[in-house]
Amino acid sequence: MNKRLTLKISGLVQGVGYRYSAQAEAKRRNFFGYVANLSDGVVELVVESNEPDLKDFISWCYNGVEMAQVQRVEQVWSPATGEFFDFMIKF
């Protein structure tokens, strides 16, 4: 059963290629959703997949982007909606 995971990633995460790296990793994992920079300096990730794979992705979010300095990853779990058919960067 798929879940939706909304992540708010804070720290030095904008201007370091975080969105592009997250998109590449999400596509590699066959996730659906999006990544976006928010005006407060946070990166928002919304991903849908199975729960074990999403839990593994949370670990990637802390250390997957070499130039980033992640301080916190907030998590909100909810049922998947199935509205996404790709993983995109929102501008």
C-alpha atoms as a PDB file:
ATOM      1  CA  MET A   1       0.000   0.000   0.000  1.00  0.00           C
ATOM      2  CA  ASN A   2       1.480   3.313  -1.050  1.00  0.00           C
ATOM      3  CA  LYS A   3       1.822   6.329   1.205  1.00  0.00           C
ATOM      4  CA  ARG A   4       2.458  10.014   0.698  1.00  0.00           C
ATOM      5  CA  LEU A   5       5.346  11.590   2.547  1.00  0.00           C
ATOM      6  CA  THR A   6       5.709  15.356   2.754  1.00  0.00           C
ATOM      7  CA  LEU A   7       9.155  16.461   3.873  1.00  0.00           C
ATOM      8  CA  LYS A   8      10.282  19.955   4.852  1.00  0.00           C
ATOM      9  CA  ILE A   9      14.084  20.013   4.763  1.00  0.00           C
ATOM     10  CA  SER A  10      15.851  22.892   6.461  1.00  0.00           C
ATOM     11  CA  GLY A  11      19.448  24.019   6.727  1.00  0.00           C
ATOM     12  CA  LEU A  12      21.732  24.958   3.863  1.00  0.00           C
ATOM     13  CA  VAL A  13      19.589  23.298   1.194  1.00  0.00           C
ATOM     14  CA  GLN A  14      18.966  26.011  -1.388  1.00  0.00           C
ATOM     15  CA  GLY A  15      21.582  26.983  -3.945  1.00  0.00           C
ATOM     16  CA  VAL A  16      23.473  23.679  -3.576  1.00  0.00           C
ATOM     17  CA  GLY A  17      21.699  21.532  -6.179  1.00  0.00           C
ATOM     18  CA  TYR A  18      19.382  19.885  -3.670  1.00  0.00           C
ATOM     19  CA  ARG A  19      16.289  19.899  -5.900  1.00  0.00           C
ATOM     20  CA  TYR A  20      18.139  18.441  -8.888  1.00  0.00           C
ATOM     21  CA  SER A  21      19.786  15.733  -6.795  1.00  0.00           C
ATOM     22  CA  ALA A  22      16.495  14.893  -5.093  1.00  0.00           C
ATOM     23  CA  GLN A  23      14.741  14.640  -8.447  1.00  0.00           C
ATOM     24  CA  ALA A  24      17.420  12.311  -9.828  1.00  0.00           C
ATOM     25  CA  GLU A  25      17.269  10.114  -6.719  1.00  0.00           C
ATOM     26  CA  ALA A  26      13.464  10.032  -6.668  1.00  0.00           C
ATOM     27  CA  LYS A  27      13.338   9.051 -10.345  1.00  0.00           C
ATOM     28  CA  ARG A  28      15.973   6.370  -9.733  1.00  0.00           C
ATOM     29  CA  ARG A  29      13.700   4.960  -7.018  1.00  0.00           C
ATOM     30  CA  ASN A  30      10.582   5.248  -9.222  1.00  0.00           C
ATOM     31  CA  PHE A  31       8.919   7.724  -6.867  1.00  0.00           C
ATOM     32  CA  PHE A  32       6.207  10.135  -7.916  1.00  0.00           C
ATOM     33  CA  GLY A  33       5.765  13.690  -6.649  1.00  0.00           C
ATOM     34  CA  TYR A  34       7.711  16.920  -6.651  1.00  0.00           C
ATOM     35  CA  VAL A  35      10.423  18.989  -4.998  1.00  0.00           C
ATOM     36  CA  ALA A  36      10.321  22.771  -4.558  1.00  0.00           C
ATOM     37  CA  ASN A  37      12.191  25.608  -2.889  1.00  0.00           C
ATOM     38  CA  LEU A  38      10.013  27.527  -0.448  1.00  0.00           C
ATOM     39  CA  SER A  39      10.389  31.252   0.218  1.00  0.00           C
ATOM     40  CA  ASP A  40      11.579  30.634   3.791  1.00  0.00           C
ATOM     41  CA  GLY A  41      14.717  28.747   2.637  1.00  0.00           C
ATOM     42  CA  VAL A  42      13.230  25.272   3.145  1.00  0.00           C
ATOM     43  CA  VAL A  43      13.034  22.563   0.477  1.00  0.00           C
ATOM     44  CA  GLU A  44       9.691  20.773   0.286  1.00  0.00           C
ATOM     45  CA  LEU A  45       9.531  17.219  -1.062  1.00  0.00           C
ATOM     46  CA  VAL A  46       6.255  15.404  -1.677  1.00  0.00           C
ATOM     47  CA  VAL A  47       6.757  11.753  -2.616  1.00  0.00           C
ATOM     48  CA  GLU A  48       4.517   8.741  -3.039  1.00  0.00           C
ATOM     49  CA  SER A  49       5.667   5.126  -2.859  1.00  0.00           C
ATOM     50  CA  ASN A  50       5.634   2.228  -0.426  1.00  0.00           C
ATOM     51  CA  GLU A  51       6.450   2.994   3.199  1.00  0.00           C
ATOM     52  CA  PRO A  52       9.749   1.057   3.544  1.00  0.00           C
ATOM     53  CA  ASP A  53      11.221   2.785   0.476  1.00  0.00           C
ATOM     54  CA  LEU A  54      10.069   6.183   1.703  1.00  0.00           C
ATOM     55  CA  LYS A  55      11.682   5.577   5.108  1.00  0.00           C
ATOM     56  CA  ASP A  56      14.941   4.763   3.353  1.00  0.00           C
ATOM     57  CA  PHE A  57      14.619   7.959   1.303  1.00  0.00           C
ATOM     58  CA  ILE A  58      14.456  10.026   4.507  1.00  0.00           C
ATOM     59  CA  SER A  59      18.001   8.878   5.307  1.00  0.00           C
ATOM     60  CA  TRP A  60      19.099   9.907   1.830  1.00  0.00           C
ATOM     61  CA  CYS A  61      17.636  13.373   2.413  1.00  0.00           C
ATOM     62  CA  TYR A  62      20.071  13.968   5.283  1.00  0.00           C
ATOM     63  CA  ASN A  63      23.249  12.929   3.436  1.00  0.00           C
ATOM     64  CA  GLY A  64      22.486  12.545  -0.269  1.00  0.00           C
ATOM     65  CA  VAL A  65      23.576  16.010  -1.410  1.00  0.00           C
ATOM     66  CA  GLU A  66      27.247  16.634  -0.714  1.00  0.00           C
ATOM     67  CA  MET A  67      27.121  20.454  -0.584  1.00  0.00           C
ATOM     68  CA  ALA A  68      23.973  20.581   1.584  1.00  0.00           C
ATOM     69  CA  GLN A  69      24.006  20.959   5.350  1.00  0.00           C
ATOM     70  CA  VAL A  70      20.688  19.497   6.467  1.00  0.00           C
ATOM     71  CA  GLN A  71      19.672  20.491   9.980  1.00  0.00           C
ATOM     72  CA  ARG A  72      16.165  19.095  10.138  1.00  0.00           C
ATOM     73  CA  VAL A  73      13.724  16.962   8.139  1.00  0.00           C
ATOM     74  CA  GLU A  74      10.081  17.333   9.156  1.00  0.00           C
ATOM     75  CA  GLN A  75       7.843  14.441   8.117  1.00  0.00           C
ATOM     76  CA  VAL A  76       4.106  14.289   7.488  1.00  0.00           C
ATOM     77  CA  TRP A  77       2.654  10.919   6.447  1.00  0.00           C
ATOM     78  CA  SER A  78      -0.707  10.565   4.701  1.00  0.00           C
ATOM     79  CA  PRO A  79      -2.471   8.214   2.281  1.00  0.00           C
ATOM     80  CA  ALA A  80      -1.225   8.343  -1.310  1.00  0.00           C
ATOM     81  CA  THR A  81      -3.506  10.170  -3.725  1.00  0.00           C
ATOM     82  CA  GLY A  82      -2.070   8.809  -6.970  1.00  0.00           C
ATOM     83  CA  GLU A  83      -2.196  12.279  -8.526  1.00  0.00           C
ATOM     84  CA  PHE A  84       1.435  12.238  -9.707  1.00  0.00           C
ATOM     85  CA  PHE A  85       2.772  10.391 -12.741  1.00  0.00           C
ATOM     86  CA  ASP A  86       6.369  11.620 -12.597  1.00  0.00           C
ATOM     87  CA  PHE A  87       8.738  13.347 -10.215  1.00  0.00           C
ATOM     88  CA  MET A  88       9.250  16.994 -11.066  1.00  0.00           C
ATOM     89  CA  ILE A  89      10.908  20.154  -9.854  1.00  0.00           C
ATOM     90  CA  LYS A  90       8.421  22.926  -9.151  1.00  0.00           C
ATOM     91  CA  PHE A  91       9.646  26.442  -9.814  1.00  0.00           C
END
